[in-house]
Amino acid sequence: MSEPLHHAVVVGADRLGNIPGVLKGHHITVRHHFSGRETTHQKKVPRLPSGTDLLILLTDFLGHNVMQAFRAAAQRSGVRVLACRRSTCALRQALERSGFGEASS
């Protein structure tokens, strides 16, 4: 039996590069990606899409106010938050520490 599929919102960076592939290996799909550049995100974050299980903040591409606004939105929705740098290695380590083990081949 396979593990359940999780849906994530990723915030930070203009492009995700290899990140969706890493997440797929951990049974996670990207539901939505926000670059975090819009000034409106610093004060008011759009609601996280329904069915979102995880908020991933790519910290080296986000300002403090944007991170704080998205964390508050996640807390209101009861969504887990994972923060890491935008590198596949840092993401894998953060996922492992958070209990999202890699899928078996």
C-alpha atoms as a PDB file:
ATOM      1  CA  MET A   1       0.000   0.000   0.000  1.00  0.00           C
ATOM      2  CA  SER A   2       1.423   3.410  -0.925  1.00  0.00           C
ATOM      3  CA  GLU A   3       1.692   6.360   1.421  1.00  0.00           C
ATOM      4  CA  PRO A   4      -0.941   9.106   1.194  1.00  0.00           C
ATOM      5  CA  LEU A   5      -0.262  11.978  -1.179  1.00  0.00           C
ATOM      6  CA  HIS A   6       0.290  15.387   0.451  1.00  0.00           C
ATOM      7  CA  HIS A   7      -0.379  18.745  -1.206  1.00  0.00           C
ATOM      8  CA  ALA A   8       2.005  21.638  -0.585  1.00  0.00           C
ATOM      9  CA  VAL A   9       2.095  25.357  -1.165  1.00  0.00           C
ATOM     10  CA  VAL A  10       5.631  26.572  -1.814  1.00  0.00           C
ATOM     11  CA  VAL A  11       6.582  30.192  -1.108  1.00  0.00           C
ATOM     12  CA  GLY A  12       9.835  31.746  -2.315  1.00  0.00           C
ATOM     13  CA  ALA A  13      12.025  31.795  -5.418  1.00  0.00           C
ATOM     14  CA  ASP A  14      11.012  32.713  -8.941  1.00  0.00           C
ATOM     15  CA  ARG A  15      11.510  29.167 -10.237  1.00  0.00           C
ATOM     16  CA  LEU A  16      11.354  25.881  -8.373  1.00  0.00           C
ATOM     17  CA  GLY A  17      13.837  23.971 -10.543  1.00  0.00           C
ATOM     18  CA  ASN A  18      14.259  20.414  -9.194  1.00  0.00           C
ATOM     19  CA  ILE A  19      12.162  20.965  -6.070  1.00  0.00           C
ATOM     20  CA  PRO A  20       8.932  19.392  -7.449  1.00  0.00           C
ATOM     21  CA  GLY A  21      10.904  16.223  -8.262  1.00  0.00           C
ATOM     22  CA  VAL A  22      12.313  16.033  -4.735  1.00  0.00           C
ATOM     23  CA  LEU A  23       8.845  16.541  -3.276  1.00  0.00           C
ATOM     24  CA  LYS A  24       7.380  13.838  -5.529  1.00  0.00           C
ATOM     25  CA  GLY A  25       9.921  11.439  -4.051  1.00  0.00           C
ATOM     26  CA  HIS A  26       8.373  12.175  -0.659  1.00  0.00           C
ATOM     27  CA  HIS A  27       4.735  11.759  -1.826  1.00  0.00           C
ATOM     28  CA  ILE A  28       4.177  15.519  -1.993  1.00  0.00           C
ATOM     29  CA  THR A  29       2.817  17.508  -4.929  1.00  0.00           C
ATOM     30  CA  VAL A  30       3.025  21.269  -5.380  1.00  0.00           C
ATOM     31  CA  ARG A  31      -0.502  22.621  -5.306  1.00  0.00           C
ATOM     32  CA  HIS A  32       0.544  26.254  -5.716  1.00  0.00           C
ATOM     33  CA  HIS A  33       3.744  28.321  -5.859  1.00  0.00           C
ATOM     34  CA  PHE A  34       4.011  31.954  -4.721  1.00  0.00           C
ATOM     35  CA  SER A  35       7.247  33.787  -5.487  1.00  0.00           C
ATOM     36  CA  GLY A  36       6.700  36.052  -2.470  1.00  0.00           C
ATOM     37  CA  ARG A  37       7.752  39.118  -4.448  1.00  0.00           C
ATOM     38  CA  GLU A  38       4.325  40.762  -4.543  1.00  0.00           C
ATOM     39  CA  THR A  39       4.164  43.578  -2.015  1.00  0.00           C
ATOM     40  CA  THR A  40       0.588  42.615  -1.122  1.00  0.00           C
ATOM     41  CA  HIS A  41       1.914  39.324   0.308  1.00  0.00           C
ATOM     42  CA  GLN A  42       3.779  41.314   2.966  1.00  0.00           C
ATOM     43  CA  LYS A  43       0.545  42.442   4.571  1.00  0.00           C
ATOM     44  CA  LYS A  44      -2.224  40.122   3.464  1.00  0.00           C
ATOM     45  CA  VAL A  45      -1.711  36.610   2.206  1.00  0.00           C
ATOM     46  CA  PRO A  46      -4.307  34.974  -0.001  1.00  0.00           C
ATOM     47  CA  ARG A  47      -5.998  32.009   1.640  1.00  0.00           C
ATOM     48  CA  LEU A  48      -4.106  28.785   1.270  1.00  0.00           C
ATOM     49  CA  PRO A  49      -5.881  26.511  -1.242  1.00  0.00           C
ATOM     50  CA  SER A  50      -8.216  23.980   0.356  1.00  0.00           C
ATOM     51  CA  GLY A  51      -6.644  20.569   0.744  1.00  0.00           C
ATOM     52  CA  THR A  52      -3.207  22.042   1.485  1.00  0.00           C
ATOM     53  CA  ASP A  53      -1.321  19.838   3.957  1.00  0.00           C
ATOM     54  CA  LEU A  54       2.050  21.581   4.029  1.00  0.00           C
ATOM     55  CA  LEU A  55       3.452  25.085   3.604  1.00  0.00           C
ATOM     56  CA  ILE A  56       7.084  25.167   2.454  1.00  0.00           C
ATOM     57  CA  LEU A  57       8.941  28.450   2.942  1.00  0.00           C
ATOM     58  CA  LEU A  58      12.170  28.851   0.964  1.00  0.00           C
ATOM     59  CA  THR A  59      13.841  31.179   3.447  1.00  0.00           C
ATOM     60  CA  ASP A  60      16.741  32.485   1.371  1.00  0.00           C
ATOM     61  CA  PHE A  61      14.278  34.090  -1.067  1.00  0.00           C
ATOM     62  CA  LEU A  62      11.783  35.601   1.400  1.00  0.00           C
ATOM     63  CA  GLY A  63      11.610  38.681   3.559  1.00  0.00           C
ATOM     64  CA  HIS A  64      10.605  38.469   7.193  1.00  0.00           C
ATOM     65  CA  ASN A  65       7.172  40.056   6.671  1.00  0.00           C
ATOM     66  CA  VAL A  66       6.226  37.643   3.890  1.00  0.00           C
ATOM     67  CA  MET A  67       7.288  34.621   5.971  1.00  0.00           C
ATOM     68  CA  GLN A  68       5.363  35.911   8.972  1.00  0.00           C
ATOM     69  CA  ALA A  69       2.213  36.499   6.893  1.00  0.00           C
ATOM     70  CA  PHE A  70       2.296  33.007   5.337  1.00  0.00           C
ATOM     71  CA  ARG A  71       3.022  31.361   8.711  1.00  0.00           C
ATOM     72  CA  ALA A  72      -0.037  33.117  10.151  1.00  0.00           C
ATOM     73  CA  ALA A  73      -2.172  31.913   7.225  1.00  0.00           C
ATOM     74  CA  ALA A  74      -0.940  28.350   7.778  1.00  0.00           C
ATOM     75  CA  GLN A  75      -1.668  28.550  11.494  1.00  0.00           C
ATOM     76  CA  ARG A  76      -5.225  29.769  10.805  1.00  0.00           C
ATOM     77  CA  SER A  77      -5.743  26.836   8.423  1.00  0.00           C
ATOM     78  CA  GLY A  78      -4.060  24.235  10.638  1.00  0.00           C
ATOM     79  CA  VAL A  79      -1.386  23.544   8.004  1.00  0.00           C
ATOM     80  CA  ARG A  80       2.111  22.299   8.890  1.00  0.00           C
ATOM     81  CA  VAL A  81       4.995  24.642   8.043  1.00  0.00           C
ATOM     82  CA  LEU A  82       8.415  23.591   6.800  1.00  0.00           C
ATOM     83  CA  ALA A  83      11.142  26.221   6.367  1.00  0.00           C
ATOM     84  CA  CYS A  84      14.439  25.612   4.602  1.00  0.00           C
ATOM     85  CA  ARG A  85      16.840  27.072   2.072  1.00  0.00           C
ATOM     86  CA  ARG A  86      16.183  26.638  -1.650  1.00  0.00           C
ATOM     87  CA  SER A  87      18.435  23.690  -2.323  1.00  0.00           C
ATOM     88  CA  THR A  88      17.412  20.124  -2.922  1.00  0.00           C
ATOM     89  CA  CYS A  89      19.778  18.927  -0.187  1.00  0.00           C
ATOM     90  CA  ALA A  90      18.349  21.340   2.421  1.00  0.00           C
ATOM     91  CA  LEU A  91      14.813  20.410   1.382  1.00  0.00           C
ATOM     92  CA  ARG A  92      15.485  16.663   1.701  1.00  0.00           C
ATOM     93  CA  GLN A  93      16.981  17.160   5.172  1.00  0.00           C
ATOM     94  CA  ALA A  94      14.041  19.291   6.320  1.00  0.00           C
ATOM     95  CA  LEU A  95      11.538  16.751   4.976  1.00  0.00           C
ATOM     96  CA  GLU A  96      13.308  13.878   6.762  1.00  0.00           C
ATOM     97  CA  ARG A  97      13.395  15.825  10.036  1.00  0.00           C
ATOM     98  CA  SER A  98       9.666  16.548   9.678  1.00  0.00           C
ATOM     99  CA  GLY A  99       8.706  12.916   9.154  1.00  0.00           C
ATOM    100  CA  PHE A 100       8.185  12.990   5.387  1.00  0.00           C
ATOM    101  CA  GLY A 101      10.368  10.004   4.534  1.00  0.00           C
ATOM    102  CA  GLU A 102      11.445   9.329   0.983  1.00  0.00           C
ATOM    103  CA  ALA A 103       9.294   6.969  -1.072  1.00  0.00           C
ATOM    104  CA  SER A 104      10.548   3.424  -1.592  1.00  0.00           C
ATOM    105  CA  SER A 105      11.651   2.603  -5.091  1.00  0.00           C
END
